[in-house]
Amino acid sequence: MTEGDCMSSTFDTVAGFISEICDIPREQIKPESHVTEDLNVDSLDFLDAVFNIEQKFGISIPLDDWTQQVNDGVVKGSAYFVLENFCTEVDKLRASADSATAA
């Protein structure tokens, strides 16, 4: 599986959770969609989606750290909350978790 395949698979999973939890038609959810600005996902629904993603992939998403970095102006919100970027971060966490279990 290539990196692009992994991201595509992750995106499909993430988009599925967001669609189901937030009652957004799946076809409206694109990799370039910003969770709050484009999809109007509220924070509680997003937390629910993040919880499901963590359970599905066996990872812990540092959402508090990411939010703090955005609030502090260290990174733009798009760094974590545009879905393609979010999925890239999820894939990094998955790879890190996989290498930790393999060690």
PDB file of N, CA and C in Angstrom:
ATOM      1  N   MET A   1       0.844  -1.181   0.000  1.00  0.00           N
ATOM      2  CA  MET A   1       0.000   0.000   0.000  1.00  0.00           C
ATOM      3  C   MET A   1       0.885   1.239   0.000  1.00  0.00           C
ATOM      4  N   THR A   2       0.631   2.132  -0.915  1.00  0.00           N
ATOM      5  CA  THR A   2       1.430   3.350  -0.990  1.00  0.00           C
ATOM      6  C   THR A   2       0.892   4.382  -0.007  1.00  0.00           C
ATOM      7  N   GLU A   3       1.674   5.446   0.191  1.00  0.00           N
ATOM      8  CA  GLU A   3       1.249   6.514   1.101  1.00  0.00           C
ATOM      9  C   GLU A   3      -0.077   7.115   0.642  1.00  0.00           C
ATOM     10  N   GLY A   4      -0.240   7.297  -0.655  1.00  0.00           N
ATOM     11  CA  GLY A   4      -1.487   7.840  -1.193  1.00  0.00           C
ATOM     12  C   GLY A   4      -2.666   6.924  -0.921  1.00  0.00           C
ATOM     13  N   ASP A   5      -2.446   5.600  -1.028  1.00  0.00           N
ATOM     14  CA  ASP A   5      -3.512   4.641  -0.730  1.00  0.00           C
ATOM     15  C   ASP A   5      -3.900   4.716   0.733  1.00  0.00           C
ATOM     16  N   CYS A   6      -2.909   4.857   1.602  1.00  0.00           N
ATOM     17  CA  CYS A   6      -3.157   4.933   3.036  1.00  0.00           C
ATOM     18  C   CYS A   6      -3.996   6.172   3.336  1.00  0.00           C
ATOM     19  N   MET A   7      -3.614   7.314   2.771  1.00  0.00           N
ATOM     20  CA  MET A   7      -4.352   8.548   3.000  1.00  0.00           C
ATOM     21  C   MET A   7      -5.772   8.415   2.469  1.00  0.00           C
ATOM     22  N   SER A   8      -5.927   7.802   1.297  1.00  0.00           N
ATOM     23  CA  SER A   8      -7.242   7.630   0.703  1.00  0.00           C
ATOM     24  C   SER A   8      -8.116   6.767   1.606  1.00  0.00           C
ATOM     25  N   SER A   9      -7.569   5.695   2.117  1.00  0.00           N
ATOM     26  CA  SER A   9      -8.289   4.810   3.018  1.00  0.00           C
ATOM     27  C   SER A   9      -8.645   5.535   4.311  1.00  0.00           C
ATOM     28  N   THR A  10      -7.697   6.276   4.854  1.00  0.00           N
ATOM     29  CA  THR A  10      -7.937   7.055   6.069  1.00  0.00           C
ATOM     30  C   THR A  10      -9.007   8.097   5.810  1.00  0.00           C
ATOM     31  N   PHE A  11      -8.913   8.802   4.689  1.00  0.00           N
ATOM     32  CA  PHE A  11      -9.906   9.817   4.352  1.00  0.00           C
ATOM     33  C   PHE A  11     -11.295   9.198   4.257  1.00  0.00           C
ATOM     34  N   ASP A  12     -11.407   8.055   3.600  1.00  0.00           N
ATOM     35  CA  ASP A  12     -12.713   7.402   3.469  1.00  0.00           C
ATOM     36  C   ASP A  12     -13.301   7.071   4.837  1.00  0.00           C
ATOM     37  N   THR A  13     -12.461   6.596   5.745  1.00  0.00           N
ATOM     38  CA  THR A  13     -12.915   6.261   7.091  1.00  0.00           C
ATOM     39  C   THR A  13     -13.344   7.523   7.839  1.00  0.00           C
ATOM     40  N   VAL A  14     -12.488   8.554   7.807  1.00  0.00           N
ATOM     41  CA  VAL A  14     -12.779   9.808   8.503  1.00  0.00           C
ATOM     42  C   VAL A  14     -14.043  10.452   7.926  1.00  0.00           C
ATOM     43  N   ALA A  15     -14.132  10.511   6.622  1.00  0.00           N
ATOM     44  CA  ALA A  15     -15.303  11.117   5.974  1.00  0.00           C
ATOM     45  C   ALA A  15     -16.567  10.340   6.327  1.00  0.00           C
ATOM     46  N   GLY A  16     -16.465   9.025   6.409  1.00  0.00           N
ATOM     47  CA  GLY A  16     -17.613   8.205   6.785  1.00  0.00           C
ATOM     48  C   GLY A  16     -18.107   8.534   8.184  1.00  0.00           C
ATOM     49  N   PHE A  17     -17.162   8.668   9.133  1.00  0.00           N
ATOM     50  CA  PHE A  17     -17.549   9.020  10.505  1.00  0.00           C
ATOM     51  C   PHE A  17     -18.199  10.403  10.550  1.00  0.00           C
ATOM     52  N   ILE A  18     -17.596  11.364   9.867  1.00  0.00           N
ATOM     53  CA  ILE A  18     -18.145  12.726   9.874  1.00  0.00           C
ATOM     54  C   ILE A  18     -19.536  12.740   9.237  1.00  0.00           C
ATOM     55  N   SER A  19     -19.689  12.031   8.140  1.00  0.00           N
ATOM     56  CA  SER A  19     -20.982  11.956   7.467  1.00  0.00           C
ATOM     57  C   SER A  19     -22.041  11.376   8.390  1.00  0.00           C
ATOM     58  N   GLU A  20     -21.705  10.269   9.039  1.00  0.00           N
ATOM     59  CA  GLU A  20     -22.656   9.580   9.912  1.00  0.00           C
ATOM     60  C   GLU A  20     -22.996  10.402  11.157  1.00  0.00           C
ATOM     61  N   ILE A  21     -21.986  10.907  11.827  1.00  0.00           N
ATOM     62  CA  ILE A  21     -22.181  11.613  13.095  1.00  0.00           C
ATOM     63  C   ILE A  21     -22.825  12.982  12.884  1.00  0.00           C
ATOM     64  N   CYS A  22     -22.425  13.659  11.826  1.00  0.00           N
ATOM     65  CA  CYS A  22     -22.867  15.041  11.615  1.00  0.00           C
ATOM     66  C   CYS A  22     -24.011  15.155  10.617  1.00  0.00           C
ATOM     67  N   ASP A  23     -24.457  14.020  10.095  1.00  0.00           N
ATOM     68  CA  ASP A  23     -25.553  13.995   9.130  1.00  0.00           C
ATOM     69  C   ASP A  23     -25.268  14.885   7.923  1.00  0.00           C
ATOM     70  N   ILE A  24     -24.058  14.717   7.377  1.00  0.00           N
ATOM     71  CA  ILE A  24     -23.636  15.441   6.180  1.00  0.00           C
ATOM     72  C   ILE A  24     -23.531  14.414   5.054  1.00  0.00           C
ATOM     73  N   PRO A  25     -24.153  14.669   3.901  1.00  0.00           N
ATOM     74  CA  PRO A  25     -24.022  13.719   2.797  1.00  0.00           C
ATOM     75  C   PRO A  25     -22.547  13.465   2.469  1.00  0.00           C
ATOM     76  N   ARG A  26     -22.181  12.202   2.352  1.00  0.00           N
ATOM     77  CA  ARG A  26     -20.781  11.815   2.146  1.00  0.00           C
ATOM     78  C   ARG A  26     -20.161  12.515   0.936  1.00  0.00           C
ATOM     79  N   GLU A  27     -20.925  12.702  -0.128  1.00  0.00           N
ATOM     80  CA  GLU A  27     -20.368  13.312  -1.343  1.00  0.00           C
ATOM     81  C   GLU A  27     -20.007  14.781  -1.145  1.00  0.00           C
ATOM     82  N   GLN A  28     -20.500  15.411  -0.078  1.00  0.00           N
ATOM     83  CA  GLN A  28     -20.145  16.808   0.204  1.00  0.00           C
ATOM     84  C   GLN A  28     -18.816  16.927   0.949  1.00  0.00           C
ATOM     85  N   ILE A  29     -18.300  15.806   1.429  1.00  0.00           N
ATOM     86  CA  ILE A  29     -17.071  15.825   2.220  1.00  0.00           C
ATOM     87  C   ILE A  29     -15.890  15.540   1.299  1.00  0.00           C
ATOM     88  N   LYS A  30     -15.050  16.541   1.130  1.00  0.00           N
ATOM     89  CA  LYS A  30     -13.903  16.462   0.214  1.00  0.00           C
ATOM     90  C   LYS A  30     -12.603  16.581   1.005  1.00  0.00           C
ATOM     91  N   PRO A  31     -11.485  16.112   0.434  1.00  0.00           N
ATOM     92  CA  PRO A  31     -10.199  16.257   1.131  1.00  0.00           C
ATOM     93  C   PRO A  31      -9.871  17.706   1.476  1.00  0.00           C
ATOM     94  N   GLU A  32     -10.297  18.643   0.646  1.00  0.00           N
ATOM     95  CA  GLU A  32      -9.982  20.057   0.893  1.00  0.00           C
ATOM     96  C   GLU A  32     -10.979  20.733   1.834  1.00  0.00           C
ATOM     97  N   SER A  33     -11.967  19.991   2.336  1.00  0.00           N
ATOM     98  CA  SER A  33     -12.968  20.556   3.249  1.00  0.00           C
ATOM     99  C   SER A  33     -12.361  20.871   4.612  1.00  0.00           C
ATOM    100  N   HIS A  34     -12.653  22.075   5.111  1.00  0.00           N
ATOM    101  CA  HIS A  34     -12.281  22.452   6.478  1.00  0.00           C
ATOM    102  C   HIS A  34     -13.438  22.004   7.364  1.00  0.00           C
ATOM    103  N   VAL A  35     -13.117  21.332   8.453  1.00  0.00           N
ATOM    104  CA  VAL A  35     -14.137  20.725   9.304  1.00  0.00           C
ATOM    105  C   VAL A  35     -15.196  21.725   9.757  1.00  0.00           C
ATOM    106  N   THR A  36     -14.769  22.867  10.270  1.00  0.00           N
ATOM    107  CA  THR A  36     -15.753  23.818  10.789  1.00  0.00           C
ATOM    108  C   THR A  36     -16.174  24.855   9.748  1.00  0.00           C
ATOM    109  N   GLU A  37     -15.226  25.365   8.981  1.00  0.00           N
ATOM    110  CA  GLU A  37     -15.541  26.449   8.043  1.00  0.00           C
ATOM    111  C   GLU A  37     -16.370  25.981   6.846  1.00  0.00           C
ATOM    112  N   ASP A  38     -16.046  24.813   6.297  1.00  0.00           N
ATOM    113  CA  ASP A  38     -16.754  24.320   5.109  1.00  0.00           C
ATOM    114  C   ASP A  38     -17.906  23.382   5.454  1.00  0.00           C
ATOM    115  N   LEU A  39     -17.704  22.537   6.450  1.00  0.00           N
ATOM    116  CA  LEU A  39     -18.706  21.519   6.768  1.00  0.00           C
ATOM    117  C   LEU A  39     -19.608  21.912   7.938  1.00  0.00           C
ATOM    118  N   ASN A  40     -19.247  22.999   8.632  1.00  0.00           N
ATOM    119  CA  ASN A  40     -20.032  23.480   9.778  1.00  0.00           C
ATOM    120  C   ASN A  40     -20.216  22.423  10.862  1.00  0.00           C
ATOM    121  N   VAL A  41     -19.191  21.622  11.075  1.00  0.00           N
ATOM    122  CA  VAL A  41     -19.230  20.606  12.123  1.00  0.00           C
ATOM    123  C   VAL A  41     -19.006  21.313  13.463  1.00  0.00           C
ATOM    124  N   ASP A  42     -19.894  21.061  14.425  1.00  0.00           N
ATOM    125  CA  ASP A  42     -19.695  21.693  15.725  1.00  0.00           C
ATOM    126  C   ASP A  42     -18.682  20.889  16.541  1.00  0.00           C
ATOM    127  N   SER A  43     -18.167  21.517  17.577  1.00  0.00           N
ATOM    128  CA  SER A  43     -17.054  20.920  18.321  1.00  0.00           C
ATOM    129  C   SER A  43     -17.421  19.589  18.973  1.00  0.00           C
ATOM    130  N   LEU A  44     -18.634  19.456  19.484  1.00  0.00           N
ATOM    131  CA  LEU A  44     -19.017  18.188  20.115  1.00  0.00           C
ATOM    132  C   LEU A  44     -19.110  17.057  19.105  1.00  0.00           C
ATOM    133  N   ASP A  45     -19.671  17.339  17.934  1.00  0.00           N
ATOM    134  CA  ASP A  45     -19.729  16.313  16.893  1.00  0.00           C
ATOM    135  C   ASP A  45     -18.328  15.940  16.430  1.00  0.00           C
ATOM    136  N   PHE A  46     -17.453  16.948  16.317  1.00  0.00           N
ATOM    137  CA  PHE A  46     -16.086  16.649  15.890  1.00  0.00           C
ATOM    138  C   PHE A  46     -15.378  15.790  16.936  1.00  0.00           C
ATOM    139  N   LEU A  47     -15.588  16.086  18.218  1.00  0.00           N
ATOM    140  CA  LEU A  47     -14.998  15.257  19.274  1.00  0.00           C
ATOM    141  C   LEU A  47     -15.505  13.823  19.186  1.00  0.00           C
ATOM    142  N   ASP A  48     -16.783  13.653  18.877  1.00  0.00           N
ATOM    143  CA  ASP A  48     -17.356  12.323  18.715  1.00  0.00           C
ATOM    144  C   ASP A  48     -16.688  11.605  17.542  1.00  0.00           C
ATOM    145  N   ALA A  49     -16.499  12.319  16.432  1.00  0.00           N
ATOM    146  CA  ALA A  49     -15.832  11.724  15.267  1.00  0.00           C
ATOM    147  C   ALA A  49     -14.391  11.352  15.611  1.00  0.00           C
ATOM    148  N   VAL A  50     -13.679  12.243  16.309  1.00  0.00           N
ATOM    149  CA  VAL A  50     -12.294  11.976  16.699  1.00  0.00           C
ATOM    150  C   VAL A  50     -12.231  10.732  17.587  1.00  0.00           C
ATOM    151  N   PHE A  51     -13.155  10.608  18.527  1.00  0.00           N
ATOM    152  CA  PHE A  51     -13.200   9.427  19.395  1.00  0.00           C
ATOM    153  C   PHE A  51     -13.344   8.160  18.553  1.00  0.00           C
ATOM    154  N   ASN A  52     -14.254   8.179  17.582  1.00  0.00           N
ATOM    155  CA  ASN A  52     -14.448   7.017  16.714  1.00  0.00           C
ATOM    156  C   ASN A  52     -13.201   6.708  15.888  1.00  0.00           C
ATOM    157  N   ILE A  53     -12.536   7.750  15.409  1.00  0.00           N
ATOM    158  CA  ILE A  53     -11.304   7.571  14.627  1.00  0.00           C
ATOM    159  C   ILE A  53     -10.225   6.947  15.508  1.00  0.00           C
ATOM    160  N   GLU A  54     -10.096   7.446  16.731  1.00  0.00           N
ATOM    161  CA  GLU A  54      -9.108   6.887  17.667  1.00  0.00           C
ATOM    162  C   GLU A  54      -9.383   5.412  17.925  1.00  0.00           C
ATOM    163  N   GLN A  55     -10.635   5.062  18.129  1.00  0.00           N
ATOM    164  CA  GLN A  55     -11.000   3.669  18.391  1.00  0.00           C
ATOM    165  C   GLN A  55     -10.728   2.796  17.169  1.00  0.00           C
ATOM    166  N   LYS A  56     -11.089   3.279  16.004  1.00  0.00           N
ATOM    167  CA  LYS A  56     -10.912   2.522  14.755  1.00  0.00           C
ATOM    168  C   LYS A  56      -9.444   2.220  14.491  1.00  0.00           C
ATOM    169  N   PHE A  57      -8.576   3.216  14.697  1.00  0.00           N
ATOM    170  CA  PHE A  57      -7.168   3.070  14.336  1.00  0.00           C
ATOM    171  C   PHE A  57      -6.254   2.762  15.519  1.00  0.00           C
ATOM    172  N   GLY A  58      -6.793   2.738  16.727  1.00  0.00           N
ATOM    173  CA  GLY A  58      -5.977   2.433  17.901  1.00  0.00           C
ATOM    174  C   GLY A  58      -4.911   3.490  18.170  1.00  0.00           C
ATOM    175  N   ILE A  59      -5.302   4.757  18.022  1.00  0.00           N
ATOM    176  CA  ILE A  59      -4.370   5.868  18.226  1.00  0.00           C
ATOM    177  C   ILE A  59      -4.978   6.872  19.195  1.00  0.00           C
ATOM    178  N   SER A  60      -4.169   7.814  19.627  1.00  0.00           N
ATOM    179  CA  SER A  60      -4.640   8.933  20.431  1.00  0.00           C
ATOM    180  C   SER A  60      -4.313  10.215  19.677  1.00  0.00           C
ATOM    181  N   ILE A  61      -5.342  10.944  19.299  1.00  0.00           N
ATOM    182  CA  ILE A  61      -5.172  12.182  18.545  1.00  0.00           C
ATOM    183  C   ILE A  61      -4.985  13.328  19.538  1.00  0.00           C
ATOM    184  N   PRO A  62      -3.878  14.072  19.432  1.00  0.00           N
ATOM    185  CA  PRO A  62      -3.611  15.166  20.384  1.00  0.00           C
ATOM    186  C   PRO A  62      -4.401  16.431  20.054  1.00  0.00           C
ATOM    187  N   LEU A  63      -5.710  16.307  20.068  1.00  0.00           N
ATOM    188  CA  LEU A  63      -6.582  17.401  19.646  1.00  0.00           C
ATOM    189  C   LEU A  63      -6.393  18.654  20.494  1.00  0.00           C
ATOM    190  N   ASP A  64      -6.202  18.481  21.801  1.00  0.00           N
ATOM    191  CA  ASP A  64      -5.974  19.650  22.667  1.00  0.00           C
ATOM    192  C   ASP A  64      -4.706  20.389  22.263  1.00  0.00           C
ATOM    193  N   ASP A  65      -3.636  19.638  21.980  1.00  0.00           N
ATOM    194  CA  ASP A  65      -2.373  20.255  21.547  1.00  0.00           C
ATOM    195  C   ASP A  65      -2.546  20.973  20.218  1.00  0.00           C
ATOM    196  N   TRP A  66      -3.233  20.334  19.282  1.00  0.00           N
ATOM    197  CA  TRP A  66      -3.438  20.937  17.973  1.00  0.00           C
ATOM    198  C   TRP A  66      -4.235  22.232  18.108  1.00  0.00           C
ATOM    199  N   THR A  67      -5.296  22.187  18.892  1.00  0.00           N
ATOM    200  CA  THR A  67      -6.136  23.369  19.079  1.00  0.00           C
ATOM    201  C   THR A  67      -5.333  24.488  19.735  1.00  0.00           C
ATOM    202  N   GLN A  68      -4.514  24.134  20.717  1.00  0.00           N
ATOM    203  CA  GLN A  68      -3.686  25.136  21.397  1.00  0.00           C
ATOM    204  C   GLN A  68      -2.699  25.777  20.423  1.00  0.00           C
ATOM    205  N   GLN A  69      -2.083  24.962  19.545  1.00  0.00           N
ATOM    206  CA  GLN A  69      -1.145  25.494  18.552  1.00  0.00           C
ATOM    207  C   GLN A  69      -1.847  26.487  17.625  1.00  0.00           C
ATOM    208  N   VAL A  70      -3.070  26.170  17.236  1.00  0.00           N
ATOM    209  CA  VAL A  70      -3.840  27.075  16.376  1.00  0.00           C
ATOM    210  C   VAL A  70      -4.183  28.348  17.145  1.00  0.00           C
ATOM    211  N   ASN A  71      -4.671  28.192  18.384  1.00  0.00           N
ATOM    212  CA  ASN A  71      -5.048  29.355  19.194  1.00  0.00           C
ATOM    213  C   ASN A  71      -3.856  30.256  19.492  1.00  0.00           C
ATOM    214  N   ASP A  72      -2.664  29.657  19.655  1.00  0.00           N
ATOM    215  CA  ASP A  72      -1.450  30.423  19.934  1.00  0.00           C
ATOM    216  C   ASP A  72      -0.843  31.035  18.673  1.00  0.00           C
ATOM    217  N   GLY A  73      -1.413  30.713  17.508  1.00  0.00           N
ATOM    218  CA  GLY A  73      -0.899  31.247  16.254  1.00  0.00           C
ATOM    219  C   GLY A  73       0.356  30.553  15.760  1.00  0.00           C
ATOM    220  N   VAL A  74       0.670  29.386  16.339  1.00  0.00           N
ATOM    221  CA  VAL A  74       1.857  28.634  15.921  1.00  0.00           C
ATOM    222  C   VAL A  74       1.636  28.025  14.535  1.00  0.00           C
ATOM    223  N   VAL A  75       0.419  27.546  14.294  1.00  0.00           N
ATOM    224  CA  VAL A  75       0.044  26.986  12.986  1.00  0.00           C
ATOM    225  C   VAL A  75      -1.337  27.520  12.613  1.00  0.00           C
ATOM    226  N   LYS A  76      -1.646  27.455  11.333  1.00  0.00           N
ATOM    227  CA  LYS A  76      -2.981  27.828  10.868  1.00  0.00           C
ATOM    228  C   LYS A  76      -3.935  26.661  11.140  1.00  0.00           C
ATOM    229  N   GLY A  77      -5.189  26.978  11.304  1.00  0.00           N
ATOM    230  CA  GLY A  77      -6.193  25.944  11.536  1.00  0.00           C
ATOM    231  C   GLY A  77      -6.233  24.907  10.442  1.00  0.00           C
ATOM    232  N   SER A  78      -5.903  25.333   9.227  1.00  0.00           N
ATOM    233  CA  SER A  78      -5.925  24.396   8.108  1.00  0.00           C
ATOM    234  C   SER A  78      -4.881  23.292   8.262  1.00  0.00           C
ATOM    235  N   ALA A  79      -3.857  23.525   9.083  1.00  0.00           N
ATOM    236  CA  ALA A  79      -2.810  22.524   9.271  1.00  0.00           C
ATOM    237  C   ALA A  79      -3.385  21.230   9.829  1.00  0.00           C
ATOM    238  N   TYR A  80      -4.421  21.334  10.638  1.00  0.00           N
ATOM    239  CA  TYR A  80      -5.008  20.147  11.247  1.00  0.00           C
ATOM    240  C   TYR A  80      -6.469  19.928  10.877  1.00  0.00           C
ATOM    241  N   PHE A  81      -7.179  20.983  10.512  1.00  0.00           N
ATOM    242  CA  PHE A  81      -8.623  20.863  10.390  1.00  0.00           C
ATOM    243  C   PHE A  81      -9.155  20.888   8.964  1.00  0.00           C
ATOM    244  N   VAL A  82      -8.265  20.941   7.969  1.00  0.00           N
ATOM    245  CA  VAL A  82      -8.643  20.622   6.592  1.00  0.00           C
ATOM    246  C   VAL A  82      -8.449  19.112   6.498  1.00  0.00           C
ATOM    247  N   LEU A  83      -9.435  18.410   5.971  1.00  0.00           N
ATOM    248  CA  LEU A  83      -9.442  16.947   6.090  1.00  0.00           C
ATOM    249  C   LEU A  83      -8.214  16.247   5.520  1.00  0.00           C
ATOM    250  N   GLU A  84      -7.683  16.713   4.380  1.00  0.00           N
ATOM    251  CA  GLU A  84      -6.498  16.035   3.851  1.00  0.00           C
ATOM    252  C   GLU A  84      -5.319  16.169   4.813  1.00  0.00           C
ATOM    253  N   ASN A  85      -5.193  17.316   5.468  1.00  0.00           N
ATOM    254  CA  ASN A  85      -4.121  17.511   6.443  1.00  0.00           C
ATOM    255  C   ASN A  85      -4.395  16.699   7.712  1.00  0.00           C
ATOM    256  N   PHE A  86      -5.648  16.691   8.145  1.00  0.00           N
ATOM    257  CA  PHE A  86      -6.037  15.904   9.308  1.00  0.00           C
ATOM    258  C   PHE A  86      -5.706  14.426   9.072  1.00  0.00           C
ATOM    259  N   CYS A  87      -6.054  13.926   7.896  1.00  0.00           N
ATOM    260  CA  CYS A  87      -5.802  12.511   7.566  1.00  0.00           C
ATOM    261  C   CYS A  87      -4.305  12.210   7.495  1.00  0.00           C
ATOM    262  N   THR A  88      -3.522  13.147   7.011  1.00  0.00           N
ATOM    263  CA  THR A  88      -2.067  12.977   6.994  1.00  0.00           C
ATOM    264  C   THR A  88      -1.545  12.844   8.422  1.00  0.00           C
ATOM    265  N   GLU A  89      -2.055  13.678   9.322  1.00  0.00           N
ATOM    266  CA  GLU A  89      -1.652  13.595  10.734  1.00  0.00           C
ATOM    267  C   GLU A  89      -2.094  12.267  11.351  1.00  0.00           C
ATOM    268  N   VAL A  90      -3.292  11.823  11.028  1.00  0.00           N
ATOM    269  CA  VAL A  90      -3.777  10.524  11.522  1.00  0.00           C
ATOM    270  C   VAL A  90      -2.862   9.413  11.023  1.00  0.00           C
ATOM    271  N   ASP A  91      -2.478   9.471   9.749  1.00  0.00           N
ATOM    272  CA  ASP A  91      -1.574   8.453   9.201  1.00  0.00           C
ATOM    273  C   ASP A  91      -0.222   8.460   9.906  1.00  0.00           C
ATOM    274  N   LYS A  92       0.283   9.642  10.248  1.00  0.00           N
ATOM    275  CA  LYS A  92       1.547   9.723  11.001  1.00  0.00           C
ATOM    276  C   LYS A  92       1.397   9.068  12.371  1.00  0.00           C
ATOM    277  N   LEU A  93       0.274   9.338  13.037  1.00  0.00           N
ATOM    278  CA  LEU A  93       0.019   8.727  14.342  1.00  0.00           C
ATOM    279  C   LEU A  93      -0.112   7.215  14.222  1.00  0.00           C
ATOM    280  N   ARG A  94      -0.756   6.759  13.161  1.00  0.00           N
ATOM    281  CA  ARG A  94      -0.895   5.312  12.934  1.00  0.00           C
ATOM    282  C   ARG A  94       0.470   4.670  12.708  1.00  0.00           C
ATOM    283  N   ALA A  95       1.310   5.321  11.902  1.00  0.00           N
ATOM    284  CA  ALA A  95       2.647   4.783  11.621  1.00  0.00           C
ATOM    285  C   ALA A  95       3.479   4.728  12.903  1.00  0.00           C
ATOM    286  N   SER A  96       3.368   5.763  13.706  1.00  0.00           N
ATOM    287  CA  SER A  96       4.092   5.813  14.964  1.00  0.00           C
ATOM    288  C   SER A  96       3.613   4.710  15.908  1.00  0.00           C
ATOM    289  N   ALA A  97       2.313   4.512  15.970  1.00  0.00           N
ATOM    290  CA  ALA A  97       1.745   3.456  16.827  1.00  0.00           C
ATOM    291  C   ALA A  97       2.161   2.077  16.320  1.00  0.00           C
ATOM    292  N   ASP A  98       2.175   1.904  14.983  1.00  0.00           N
ATOM    293  CA  ASP A  98       2.589   0.628  14.399  1.00  0.00           C
ATOM    294  C   ASP A  98       4.047   0.330  14.701  1.00  0.00           C
ATOM    295  N   SER A  99       4.908   1.338  14.605  1.00  0.00           N
ATOM    296  CA  SER A  99       6.328   1.102  14.862  1.00  0.00           C
ATOM    297  C   SER A  99       6.583   0.851  16.355  1.00  0.00           C
ATOM    298  N   ALA A 100       5.769   1.468  17.207  1.00  0.00           N
ATOM    299  CA  ALA A 100       5.909   1.241  18.657  1.00  0.00           C
ATOM    300  C   ALA A 100       5.493  -0.176  19.020  1.00  0.00           C
ATOM    301  N   THR A 101       4.470  -0.704  18.355  1.00  0.00           N
ATOM    302  CA  THR A 101       4.045  -2.073  18.653  1.00  0.00           C
ATOM    303  C   THR A 101       4.990  -3.097  18.047  1.00  0.00           C
ATOM    304  N   ALA A 102       5.633  -2.722  16.946  1.00  0.00           N
ATOM    305  CA  ALA A 102       6.572  -3.653  16.301  1.00  0.00           C
ATOM    306  C   ALA A 102       7.887  -3.739  17.072  1.00  0.00           C
ATOM    307  N   ALA A 103       8.203  -2.719  17.838  1.00  0.00           N
ATOM    308  CA  ALA A 103       9.483  -2.678  18.552  1.00  0.00           C
ATOM    309  C   ALA A 103       9.493  -3.582  19.770  1.00  0.00           C
TER     310      ALA A 103
END
